[in-house]
Amino acid sequence: MGQKCSDLETIPLNSLYHREQHRIGLKKFVRTYELDIPALLDLLTAKATIKTWEGRYIGHWQNEVLVLGFVEQGIDRSFRLLKDRVRDLIRDRILARVYKFQAR
């Protein structure tokens, strides 16, 4: 108690699930929702990269290849696009897992 975990060792929860996790305890919460914490942490901490190819910025994140824009449009725009797309991919993967669990 009283010590905060590293952000690299935490998963985001909405307030409902956060309270439930505190109420029933971490081990029961993980068992109840069949969470693979190491896999979730890998997903949340996976690094994205940007490279150039044929005048375009190309992002890479896990197995995904993301065309981000033309070099002439600037790297800042491509970084924003990469951040947004990675966030959406993470959200979609987590939600797919939630929907699969709820369908049981």
PDB file of N, CA and C in Angstrom:
ATOM      1  N   MET A   1       0.833  -1.182   0.000  1.00  0.00           N
ATOM      2  CA  MET A   1       0.000   0.000   0.000  1.00  0.00           C
ATOM      3  C   MET A   1       0.882   1.251   0.000  1.00  0.00           C
ATOM      4  N   GLY A   2       0.366   2.290  -0.622  1.00  0.00           N
ATOM      5  CA  GLY A   2       1.068   3.546  -0.595  1.00  0.00           C
ATOM      6  C   GLY A   2       2.161   3.689  -1.639  1.00  0.00           C
ATOM      7  N   GLN A   3       2.450   2.612  -2.389  1.00  0.00           N
ATOM      8  CA  GLN A   3       3.479   2.708  -3.424  1.00  0.00           C
ATOM      9  C   GLN A   3       2.811   2.605  -4.785  1.00  0.00           C
ATOM     10  N   LYS A   4       3.231   3.460  -5.681  1.00  0.00           N
ATOM     11  CA  LYS A   4       2.676   3.486  -7.026  1.00  0.00           C
ATOM     12  C   LYS A   4       3.518   2.612  -7.941  1.00  0.00           C
ATOM     13  N   CYS A   5       2.829   1.779  -8.736  1.00  0.00           N
ATOM     14  CA  CYS A   5       3.532   0.970  -9.730  1.00  0.00           C
ATOM     15  C   CYS A   5       4.032   1.868 -10.852  1.00  0.00           C
ATOM     16  N   SER A   6       5.045   1.410 -11.525  1.00  0.00           N
ATOM     17  CA  SER A   6       5.525   2.098 -12.715  1.00  0.00           C
ATOM     18  C   SER A   6       4.416   2.112 -13.761  1.00  0.00           C
ATOM     19  N   ASP A   7       4.353   3.172 -14.555  1.00  0.00           N
ATOM     20  CA  ASP A   7       3.380   3.226 -15.650  1.00  0.00           C
ATOM     21  C   ASP A   7       3.610   2.104 -16.657  1.00  0.00           C
ATOM     22  N   LEU A   8       4.810   1.558 -16.691  1.00  0.00           N
ATOM     23  CA  LEU A   8       5.109   0.451 -17.597  1.00  0.00           C
ATOM     24  C   LEU A   8       4.600  -0.876 -17.055  1.00  0.00           C
ATOM     25  N   GLU A   9       4.025  -0.864 -15.854  1.00  0.00           N
ATOM     26  CA  GLU A   9       3.501  -2.081 -15.234  1.00  0.00           C
ATOM     27  C   GLU A   9       2.014  -1.958 -14.912  1.00  0.00           C
ATOM     28  N   THR A  10       1.325  -1.045 -15.564  1.00  0.00           N
ATOM     29  CA  THR A  10      -0.091  -0.844 -15.287  1.00  0.00           C
ATOM     30  C   THR A  10      -0.896  -0.907 -16.577  1.00  0.00           C
ATOM     31  N   ILE A  11      -2.169  -1.262 -16.447  1.00  0.00           N
ATOM     32  CA  ILE A  11      -3.080  -1.240 -17.581  1.00  0.00           C
ATOM     33  C   ILE A  11      -4.199  -0.243 -17.267  1.00  0.00           C
ATOM     34  N   PRO A  12      -4.667   0.477 -18.265  1.00  0.00           N
ATOM     35  CA  PRO A  12      -5.730   1.456 -18.011  1.00  0.00           C
ATOM     36  C   PRO A  12      -7.072   0.756 -17.819  1.00  0.00           C
ATOM     37  N   LEU A  13      -7.827   1.204 -16.831  1.00  0.00           N
ATOM     38  CA  LEU A  13      -9.173   0.701 -16.573  1.00  0.00           C
ATOM     39  C   LEU A  13     -10.107   1.893 -16.406  1.00  0.00           C
ATOM     40  N   ASN A  14     -11.376   1.700 -16.806  1.00  0.00           N
ATOM     41  CA  ASN A  14     -12.323   2.773 -16.495  1.00  0.00           C
ATOM     42  C   ASN A  14     -12.647   2.701 -15.007  1.00  0.00           C
ATOM     43  N   SER A  15     -13.368   3.682 -14.492  1.00  0.00           N
ATOM     44  CA  SER A  15     -13.576   3.774 -13.040  1.00  0.00           C
ATOM     45  C   SER A  15     -14.348   2.576 -12.484  1.00  0.00           C
ATOM     46  N   LEU A  16     -15.292   2.042 -13.233  1.00  0.00           N
ATOM     47  CA  LEU A  16     -16.068   0.885 -12.773  1.00  0.00           C
ATOM     48  C   LEU A  16     -15.153  -0.319 -12.529  1.00  0.00           C
ATOM     49  N   TYR A  17     -14.323  -0.647 -13.519  1.00  0.00           N
ATOM     50  CA  TYR A  17     -13.434  -1.799 -13.379  1.00  0.00           C
ATOM     51  C   TYR A  17     -12.305  -1.522 -12.389  1.00  0.00           C
ATOM     52  N   HIS A  18     -11.884  -0.279 -12.308  1.00  0.00           N
ATOM     53  CA  HIS A  18     -10.836   0.077 -11.339  1.00  0.00           C
ATOM     54  C   HIS A  18     -11.328  -0.197  -9.912  1.00  0.00           C
ATOM     55  N   ARG A  19     -12.551   0.245  -9.629  1.00  0.00           N
ATOM     56  CA  ARG A  19     -13.116  -0.003  -8.296  1.00  0.00           C
ATOM     57  C   ARG A  19     -13.299  -1.497  -8.047  1.00  0.00           C
ATOM     58  N   GLU A  20     -13.771  -2.215  -9.075  1.00  0.00           N
ATOM     59  CA  GLU A  20     -13.947  -3.664  -8.914  1.00  0.00           C
ATOM     60  C   GLU A  20     -12.617  -4.349  -8.636  1.00  0.00           C
ATOM     61  N   GLN A  21     -11.581  -3.949  -9.340  1.00  0.00           N
ATOM     62  CA  GLN A  21     -10.263  -4.557  -9.129  1.00  0.00           C
ATOM     63  C   GLN A  21      -9.799  -4.341  -7.693  1.00  0.00           C
ATOM     64  N   HIS A  22     -10.039  -3.149  -7.155  1.00  0.00           N
ATOM     65  CA  HIS A  22      -9.664  -2.896  -5.766  1.00  0.00           C
ATOM     66  C   HIS A  22     -10.550  -3.692  -4.797  1.00  0.00           C
ATOM     67  N   ARG A  23     -11.824  -3.827  -5.146  1.00  0.00           N
ATOM     68  CA  ARG A  23     -12.763  -4.521  -4.260  1.00  0.00           C
ATOM     69  C   ARG A  23     -12.459  -6.016  -4.161  1.00  0.00           C
ATOM     70  N   ILE A  24     -12.194  -6.667  -5.308  1.00  0.00           N
ATOM     71  CA  ILE A  24     -12.017  -8.124  -5.269  1.00  0.00           C
ATOM     72  C   ILE A  24     -10.552  -8.549  -5.244  1.00  0.00           C
ATOM     73  N   GLY A  25      -9.657  -7.621  -5.492  1.00  0.00           N
ATOM     74  CA  GLY A  25      -8.234  -7.946  -5.495  1.00  0.00           C
ATOM     75  C   GLY A  25      -7.742  -8.271  -6.903  1.00  0.00           C
ATOM     76  N   LEU A  26      -6.458  -8.023  -7.105  1.00  0.00           N
ATOM     77  CA  LEU A  26      -5.871  -8.171  -8.433  1.00  0.00           C
ATOM     78  C   LEU A  26      -5.933  -9.609  -8.948  1.00  0.00           C
ATOM     79  N   LYS A  27      -5.569 -10.571  -8.124  1.00  0.00           N
ATOM     80  CA  LYS A  27      -5.531 -11.963  -8.599  1.00  0.00           C
ATOM     81  C   LYS A  27      -6.909 -12.442  -9.046  1.00  0.00           C
ATOM     82  N   LYS A  28      -7.946 -12.161  -8.253  1.00  0.00           N
ATOM     83  CA  LYS A  28      -9.296 -12.576  -8.635  1.00  0.00           C
ATOM     84  C   LYS A  28      -9.772 -11.812  -9.868  1.00  0.00           C
ATOM     85  N   PHE A  29      -9.441 -10.540  -9.964  1.00  0.00           N
ATOM     86  CA  PHE A  29      -9.813  -9.729 -11.121  1.00  0.00           C
ATOM     87  C   PHE A  29      -9.205 -10.319 -12.397  1.00  0.00           C
ATOM     88  N   VAL A  30      -7.923 -10.674 -12.341  1.00  0.00           N
ATOM     89  CA  VAL A  30      -7.234 -11.256 -13.498  1.00  0.00           C
ATOM     90  C   VAL A  30      -7.875 -12.588 -13.878  1.00  0.00           C
ATOM     91  N   ARG A  31      -8.188 -13.418 -12.883  1.00  0.00           N
ATOM     92  CA  ARG A  31      -8.836 -14.712 -13.167  1.00  0.00           C
ATOM     93  C   ARG A  31     -10.238 -14.516 -13.729  1.00  0.00           C
ATOM     94  N   THR A  32     -11.013 -13.615 -13.120  1.00  0.00           N
ATOM     95  CA  THR A  32     -12.397 -13.384 -13.544  1.00  0.00           C
ATOM     96  C   THR A  32     -12.475 -12.966 -15.002  1.00  0.00           C
ATOM     97  N   TYR A  33     -11.598 -12.057 -15.414  1.00  0.00           N
ATOM     98  CA  TYR A  33     -11.645 -11.528 -16.775  1.00  0.00           C
ATOM     99  C   TYR A  33     -10.626 -12.184 -17.702  1.00  0.00           C
ATOM    100  N   GLU A  34      -9.984 -13.245 -17.205  1.00  0.00           N
ATOM    101  CA  GLU A  34      -9.021 -14.016 -18.000  1.00  0.00           C
ATOM    102  C   GLU A  34      -8.023 -13.099 -18.709  1.00  0.00           C
ATOM    103  N   LEU A  35      -7.422 -12.219 -17.923  1.00  0.00           N
ATOM    104  CA  LEU A  35      -6.477 -11.250 -18.469  1.00  0.00           C
ATOM    105  C   LEU A  35      -5.086 -11.856 -18.583  1.00  0.00           C
ATOM    106  N   ASP A  36      -4.454 -11.591 -19.676  1.00  0.00           N
ATOM    107  CA  ASP A  36      -3.045 -11.946 -19.857  1.00  0.00           C
ATOM    108  C   ASP A  36      -2.262 -10.644 -19.666  1.00  0.00           C
ATOM    109  N   ILE A  37      -1.912 -10.358 -18.429  1.00  0.00           N
ATOM    110  CA  ILE A  37      -1.284  -9.079 -18.100  1.00  0.00           C
ATOM    111  C   ILE A  37       0.014  -8.862 -18.884  1.00  0.00           C
ATOM    112  N   PRO A  38       0.918  -9.858 -18.959  1.00  0.00           N
ATOM    113  CA  PRO A  38       2.133  -9.623 -19.754  1.00  0.00           C
ATOM    114  C   PRO A  38       1.826  -9.271 -21.217  1.00  0.00           C
ATOM    115  N   ALA A  39       0.835  -9.926 -21.823  1.00  0.00           N
ATOM    116  CA  ALA A  39       0.480  -9.613 -23.218  1.00  0.00           C
ATOM    117  C   ALA A  39      -0.099  -8.207 -23.327  1.00  0.00           C
ATOM    118  N   LEU A  40      -0.928  -7.811 -22.364  1.00  0.00           N
ATOM    119  CA  LEU A  40      -1.474  -6.452 -22.379  1.00  0.00           C
ATOM    120  C   LEU A  40      -0.376  -5.415 -22.218  1.00  0.00           C
ATOM    121  N   LEU A  41       0.562  -5.685 -21.303  1.00  0.00           N
ATOM    122  CA  LEU A  41       1.667  -4.742 -21.117  1.00  0.00           C
ATOM    123  C   LEU A  41       2.538  -4.659 -22.367  1.00  0.00           C
ATOM    124  N   ASP A  42       2.763  -5.786 -23.034  1.00  0.00           N
ATOM    125  CA  ASP A  42       3.516  -5.764 -24.294  1.00  0.00           C
ATOM    126  C   ASP A  42       2.798  -4.909 -25.330  1.00  0.00           C
ATOM    127  N   LEU A  43       1.477  -5.068 -25.407  1.00  0.00           N
ATOM    128  CA  LEU A  43       0.679  -4.284 -26.347  1.00  0.00           C
ATOM    129  C   LEU A  43       0.787  -2.791 -26.043  1.00  0.00           C
ATOM    130  N   LEU A  44       0.677  -2.444 -24.769  1.00  0.00           N
ATOM    131  CA  LEU A  44       0.673  -1.038 -24.375  1.00  0.00           C
ATOM    132  C   LEU A  44       2.043  -0.377 -24.431  1.00  0.00           C
ATOM    133  N   THR A  45       3.108  -1.171 -24.364  1.00  0.00           N
ATOM    134  CA  THR A  45       4.452  -0.592 -24.355  1.00  0.00           C
ATOM    135  C   THR A  45       5.223  -0.834 -25.651  1.00  0.00           C
ATOM    136  N   ALA A  46       4.573  -1.458 -26.639  1.00  0.00           N
ATOM    137  CA  ALA A  46       5.240  -1.714 -27.922  1.00  0.00           C
ATOM    138  C   ALA A  46       5.651  -0.387 -28.562  1.00  0.00           C
ATOM    139  N   LYS A  47       6.843  -0.351 -29.074  1.00  0.00           N
ATOM    140  CA  LYS A  47       7.380   0.865 -29.684  1.00  0.00           C
ATOM    141  C   LYS A  47       7.019   0.927 -31.169  1.00  0.00           C
ATOM    142  N   ALA A  48       6.696   2.104 -31.605  1.00  0.00           N
ATOM    143  CA  ALA A  48       6.428   2.350 -33.018  1.00  0.00           C
ATOM    144  C   ALA A  48       7.646   3.039 -33.630  1.00  0.00           C
ATOM    145  N   THR A  49       7.842   2.812 -34.905  1.00  0.00           N
ATOM    146  CA  THR A  49       8.934   3.474 -35.617  1.00  0.00           C
ATOM    147  C   THR A  49       8.396   4.107 -36.887  1.00  0.00           C
ATOM    148  N   ILE A  50       9.135   5.096 -37.362  1.00  0.00           N
ATOM    149  CA  ILE A  50       8.823   5.740 -38.642  1.00  0.00           C
ATOM    150  C   ILE A  50      10.065   5.668 -39.521  1.00  0.00           C
ATOM    151  N   LYS A  51       9.846   5.282 -40.768  1.00  0.00           N
ATOM    152  CA  LYS A  51      10.916   5.276 -41.765  1.00  0.00           C
ATOM    153  C   LYS A  51      10.395   5.949 -43.019  1.00  0.00           C
ATOM    154  N   THR A  52      11.311   6.319 -43.899  1.00  0.00           N
ATOM    155  CA  THR A  52      10.895   6.865 -45.190  1.00  0.00           C
ATOM    156  C   THR A  52      11.057   5.796 -46.257  1.00  0.00           C
ATOM    157  N   TRP A  53      10.155   5.835 -47.211  1.00  0.00           N
ATOM    158  CA  TRP A  53      10.209   4.901 -48.329  1.00  0.00           C
ATOM    159  C   TRP A  53       9.497   5.556 -49.506  1.00  0.00           C
ATOM    160  N   GLU A  54      10.215   5.730 -50.579  1.00  0.00           N
ATOM    161  CA  GLU A  54       9.680   6.327 -51.807  1.00  0.00           C
ATOM    162  C   GLU A  54       8.938   7.636 -51.548  1.00  0.00           C
ATOM    163  N   GLY A  55       9.554   8.510 -50.737  1.00  0.00           N
ATOM    164  CA  GLY A  55       8.980   9.838 -50.505  1.00  0.00           C
ATOM    165  C   GLY A  55       7.840   9.878 -49.500  1.00  0.00           C
ATOM    166  N   ARG A  56       7.621   8.779 -48.804  1.00  0.00           N
ATOM    167  CA  ARG A  56       6.535   8.725 -47.813  1.00  0.00           C
ATOM    168  C   ARG A  56       7.099   8.315 -46.460  1.00  0.00           C
ATOM    169  N   TYR A  57       6.408   8.728 -45.426  1.00  0.00           N
ATOM    170  CA  TYR A  57       6.701   8.223 -44.086  1.00  0.00           C
ATOM    171  C   TYR A  57       5.856   6.974 -43.870  1.00  0.00           C
ATOM    172  N   ILE A  58       6.516   5.928 -43.407  1.00  0.00           N
ATOM    173  CA  ILE A  58       5.853   4.652 -43.142  1.00  0.00           C
ATOM    174  C   ILE A  58       6.055   4.336 -41.666  1.00  0.00           C
ATOM    175  N   GLY A  59       4.963   4.070 -40.962  1.00  0.00           N
ATOM    176  CA  GLY A  59       5.040   3.695 -39.555  1.00  0.00           C
ATOM    177  C   GLY A  59       4.975   2.182 -39.413  1.00  0.00           C
ATOM    178  N   HIS A  60       5.667   1.685 -38.416  1.00  0.00           N
ATOM    179  CA  HIS A  60       5.646   0.257 -38.093  1.00  0.00           C
ATOM    180  C   HIS A  60       5.321   0.112 -36.615  1.00  0.00           C
ATOM    181  N   TRP A  61       4.333  -0.705 -36.318  1.00  0.00           N
ATOM    182  CA  TRP A  61       3.975  -1.004 -34.940  1.00  0.00           C
ATOM    183  C   TRP A  61       3.493  -2.444 -34.886  1.00  0.00           C
ATOM    184  N   GLN A  62       4.207  -3.259 -34.132  1.00  0.00           N
ATOM    185  CA  GLN A  62       3.962  -4.692 -34.062  1.00  0.00           C
ATOM    186  C   GLN A  62       3.912  -5.230 -35.495  1.00  0.00           C
ATOM    187  N   ASN A  63       2.825  -5.858 -35.923  1.00  0.00           N
ATOM    188  CA  ASN A  63       2.747  -6.415 -37.288  1.00  0.00           C
ATOM    189  C   ASN A  63       2.188  -5.413 -38.286  1.00  0.00           C
ATOM    190  N   GLU A  64       1.845  -4.234 -37.823  1.00  0.00           N
ATOM    191  CA  GLU A  64       1.159  -3.251 -38.661  1.00  0.00           C
ATOM    192  C   GLU A  64       2.144  -2.358 -39.409  1.00  0.00           C
ATOM    193  N   VAL A  65       1.820  -2.107 -40.674  1.00  0.00           N
ATOM    194  CA  VAL A  65       2.558  -1.146 -41.487  1.00  0.00           C
ATOM    195  C   VAL A  65       1.559  -0.042 -41.824  1.00  0.00           C
ATOM    196  N   LEU A  66       1.904   1.186 -41.491  1.00  0.00           N
ATOM    197  CA  LEU A  66       0.984   2.302 -41.627  1.00  0.00           C
ATOM    198  C   LEU A  66       1.574   3.374 -42.521  1.00  0.00           C
ATOM    199  N   VAL A  67       0.909   3.662 -43.625  1.00  0.00           N
ATOM    200  CA  VAL A  67       1.335   4.749 -44.509  1.00  0.00           C
ATOM    201  C   VAL A  67       0.854   6.042 -43.870  1.00  0.00           C
ATOM    202  N   LEU A  68       1.792   6.933 -43.579  1.00  0.00           N
ATOM    203  CA  LEU A  68       1.467   8.119 -42.792  1.00  0.00           C
ATOM    204  C   LEU A  68       1.364   9.400 -43.604  1.00  0.00           C
ATOM    205  N   GLY A  69       2.048   9.501 -44.691  1.00  0.00           N
ATOM    206  CA  GLY A  69       1.982  10.722 -45.486  1.00  0.00           C
ATOM    207  C   GLY A  69       3.275  10.955 -46.239  1.00  0.00           C
ATOM    208  N   PHE A  70       3.261  11.985 -47.040  1.00  0.00           N
ATOM    209  CA  PHE A  70       4.423  12.321 -47.846  1.00  0.00           C
ATOM    210  C   PHE A  70       5.444  13.099 -47.022  1.00  0.00           C
ATOM    211  N   VAL A  71       6.690  12.911 -47.354  1.00  0.00           N
ATOM    212  CA  VAL A  71       7.777  13.594 -46.658  1.00  0.00           C
ATOM    213  C   VAL A  71       7.571  15.111 -46.716  1.00  0.00           C
ATOM    214  N   GLU A  72       7.075  15.611 -47.836  1.00  0.00           N
ATOM    215  CA  GLU A  72       6.865  17.055 -47.975  1.00  0.00           C
ATOM    216  C   GLU A  72       5.868  17.598 -46.953  1.00  0.00           C
ATOM    217  N   GLN A  73       4.985  16.746 -46.417  1.00  0.00           N
ATOM    218  CA  GLN A  73       3.987  17.191 -45.445  1.00  0.00           C
ATOM    219  C   GLN A  73       4.580  17.364 -44.045  1.00  0.00           C
ATOM    220  N   GLY A  74       5.776  16.856 -43.848  1.00  0.00           N
ATOM    221  CA  GLY A  74       6.463  17.054 -42.573  1.00  0.00           C
ATOM    222  C   GLY A  74       6.345  15.879 -41.621  1.00  0.00           C
ATOM    223  N   ILE A  75       7.362  15.731 -40.804  1.00  0.00           N
ATOM    224  CA  ILE A  75       7.435  14.628 -39.850  1.00  0.00           C
ATOM    225  C   ILE A  75       6.448  14.815 -38.700  1.00  0.00           C
ATOM    226  N   ASP A  76       6.174  16.062 -38.300  1.00  0.00           N
ATOM    227  CA  ASP A  76       5.250  16.291 -37.184  1.00  0.00           C
ATOM    228  C   ASP A  76       3.874  15.710 -37.478  1.00  0.00           C
ATOM    229  N   ARG A  77       3.389  15.938 -38.671  1.00  0.00           N
ATOM    230  CA  ARG A  77       2.080  15.397 -39.073  1.00  0.00           C
ATOM    231  C   ARG A  77       2.107  13.876 -39.015  1.00  0.00           C
ATOM    232  N   SER A  78       3.183  13.273 -39.486  1.00  0.00           N
ATOM    233  CA  SER A  78       3.285  11.814 -39.492  1.00  0.00           C
ATOM    234  C   SER A  78       3.360  11.247 -38.080  1.00  0.00           C
ATOM    235  N   PHE A  79       4.058  11.936 -37.178  1.00  0.00           N
ATOM    236  CA  PHE A  79       4.093  11.492 -35.783  1.00  0.00           C
ATOM    237  C   PHE A  79       2.691  11.521 -35.176  1.00  0.00           C
ATOM    238  N   ARG A  80       1.944  12.587 -35.437  1.00  0.00           N
ATOM    239  CA  ARG A  80       0.572  12.672 -34.903  1.00  0.00           C
ATOM    240  C   ARG A  80      -0.295  11.557 -35.457  1.00  0.00           C
ATOM    241  N   LEU A  81      -0.187  11.319 -36.767  1.00  0.00           N
ATOM    242  CA  LEU A  81      -0.957  10.234 -37.383  1.00  0.00           C
ATOM    243  C   LEU A  81      -0.580   8.880 -36.794  1.00  0.00           C
ATOM    244  N   LEU A  82       0.708   8.645 -36.615  1.00  0.00           N
ATOM    245  CA  LEU A  82       1.166   7.379 -36.053  1.00  0.00           C
ATOM    246  C   LEU A  82       0.616   7.195 -34.641  1.00  0.00           C
ATOM    247  N   LYS A  83       0.706   8.230 -33.827  1.00  0.00           N
ATOM    248  CA  LYS A  83       0.189   8.151 -32.458  1.00  0.00           C
ATOM    249  C   LYS A  83      -1.304   7.838 -32.461  1.00  0.00           C
ATOM    250  N   ASP A  84      -2.063   8.523 -33.304  1.00  0.00           N
ATOM    251  CA  ASP A  84      -3.508   8.297 -33.372  1.00  0.00           C
ATOM    252  C   ASP A  84      -3.836   6.894 -33.862  1.00  0.00           C
ATOM    253  N   ARG A  85      -3.139   6.431 -34.877  1.00  0.00           N
ATOM    254  CA  ARG A  85      -3.421   5.100 -35.421  1.00  0.00           C
ATOM    255  C   ARG A  85      -3.036   3.992 -34.455  1.00  0.00           C
ATOM    256  N   VAL A  86      -1.916   4.145 -33.777  1.00  0.00           N
ATOM    257  CA  VAL A  86      -1.516   3.142 -32.783  1.00  0.00           C
ATOM    258  C   VAL A  86      -2.527   3.112 -31.645  1.00  0.00           C
ATOM    259  N   ARG A  87      -2.948   4.287 -31.178  1.00  0.00           N
ATOM    260  CA  ARG A  87      -3.972   4.342 -30.130  1.00  0.00           C
ATOM    261  C   ARG A  87      -5.239   3.611 -30.570  1.00  0.00           C
ATOM    262  N   ASP A  88      -5.669   3.837 -31.816  1.00  0.00           N
ATOM    263  CA  ASP A  88      -6.867   3.169 -32.324  1.00  0.00           C
ATOM    264  C   ASP A  88      -6.667   1.656 -32.430  1.00  0.00           C
ATOM    265  N   LEU A  89      -5.492   1.227 -32.859  1.00  0.00           N
ATOM    266  CA  LEU A  89      -5.216  -0.212 -32.947  1.00  0.00           C
ATOM    267  C   LEU A  89      -5.241  -0.865 -31.568  1.00  0.00           C
ATOM    268  N   ILE A  90      -4.642  -0.211 -30.589  1.00  0.00           N
ATOM    269  CA  ILE A  90      -4.650  -0.746 -29.223  1.00  0.00           C
ATOM    270  C   ILE A  90      -6.088  -0.835 -28.722  1.00  0.00           C
ATOM    271  N   ARG A  91      -6.838   0.245 -28.892  1.00  0.00           N
ATOM    272  CA  ARG A  91      -8.238   0.247 -28.457  1.00  0.00           C
ATOM    273  C   ARG A  91      -9.019  -0.882 -29.115  1.00  0.00           C
ATOM    274  N   ASP A  92      -8.864  -1.044 -30.423  1.00  0.00           N
ATOM    275  CA  ASP A  92      -9.606  -2.074 -31.140  1.00  0.00           C
ATOM    276  C   ASP A  92      -9.232  -3.475 -30.669  1.00  0.00           C
ATOM    277  N   ARG A  93      -7.968  -3.714 -30.408  1.00  0.00           N
ATOM    278  CA  ARG A  93      -7.542  -5.039 -29.930  1.00  0.00           C
ATOM    279  C   ARG A  93      -8.083  -5.327 -28.538  1.00  0.00           C
ATOM    280  N   ILE A  94      -8.054  -4.335 -27.681  1.00  0.00           N
ATOM    281  CA  ILE A  94      -8.573  -4.540 -26.325  1.00  0.00           C
ATOM    282  C   ILE A  94     -10.090  -4.713 -26.364  1.00  0.00           C
ATOM    283  N   LEU A  95     -10.782  -3.901 -27.136  1.00  0.00           N
ATOM    284  CA  LEU A  95     -12.234  -4.026 -27.226  1.00  0.00           C
ATOM    285  C   LEU A  95     -12.648  -5.350 -27.845  1.00  0.00           C
ATOM    286  N   ALA A  96     -11.895  -5.843 -28.812  1.00  0.00           N
ATOM    287  CA  ALA A  96     -12.202  -7.151 -29.403  1.00  0.00           C
ATOM    288  C   ALA A  96     -12.143  -8.227 -28.328  1.00  0.00           C
ATOM    289  N   ARG A  97     -11.167  -8.127 -27.452  1.00  0.00           N
ATOM    290  CA  ARG A  97     -11.036  -9.086 -26.348  1.00  0.00           C
ATOM    291  C   ARG A  97     -12.205  -8.950 -25.371  1.00  0.00           C
ATOM    292  N   VAL A  98     -12.617  -7.716 -25.066  1.00  0.00           N
ATOM    293  CA  VAL A  98     -13.731  -7.480 -24.159  1.00  0.00           C
ATOM    294  C   VAL A  98     -15.023  -8.043 -24.750  1.00  0.00           C
ATOM    295  N   TYR A  99     -15.280  -7.769 -26.031  1.00  0.00           N
ATOM    296  CA  TYR A  99     -16.504  -8.255 -26.668  1.00  0.00           C
ATOM    297  C   TYR A  99     -16.528  -9.765 -26.728  1.00  0.00           C
ATOM    298  N   LYS A 100     -15.380 -10.372 -26.984  1.00  0.00           N
ATOM    299  CA  LYS A 100     -15.284 -11.838 -27.014  1.00  0.00           C
ATOM    300  C   LYS A 100     -15.616 -12.408 -25.631  1.00  0.00           C
ATOM    301  N   PHE A 101     -15.093 -11.762 -24.586  1.00  0.00           N
ATOM    302  CA  PHE A 101     -15.362 -12.208 -23.225  1.00  0.00           C
ATOM    303  C   PHE A 101     -16.843 -12.042 -22.890  1.00  0.00           C
ATOM    304  N   GLN A 102     -17.457 -10.916 -23.274  1.00  0.00           N
ATOM    305  CA  GLN A 102     -18.863 -10.647 -22.964  1.00  0.00           C
ATOM    306  C   GLN A 102     -19.801 -11.574 -23.717  1.00  0.00           C
ATOM    307  N   ALA A 103     -19.385 -12.083 -24.875  1.00  0.00           N
ATOM    308  CA  ALA A 103     -20.237 -12.933 -25.697  1.00  0.00           C
ATOM    309  C   ALA A 103     -20.439 -14.329 -25.085  1.00  0.00           C
ATOM    310  N   ARG A 104     -19.635 -14.662 -24.109  1.00  0.00           N
ATOM    311  CA  ARG A 104     -19.762 -16.004 -23.501  1.00  0.00           C
ATOM    312  C   ARG A 104     -20.998 -16.151 -22.683  1.00  0.00           C
TER     313      ARG A 104
END
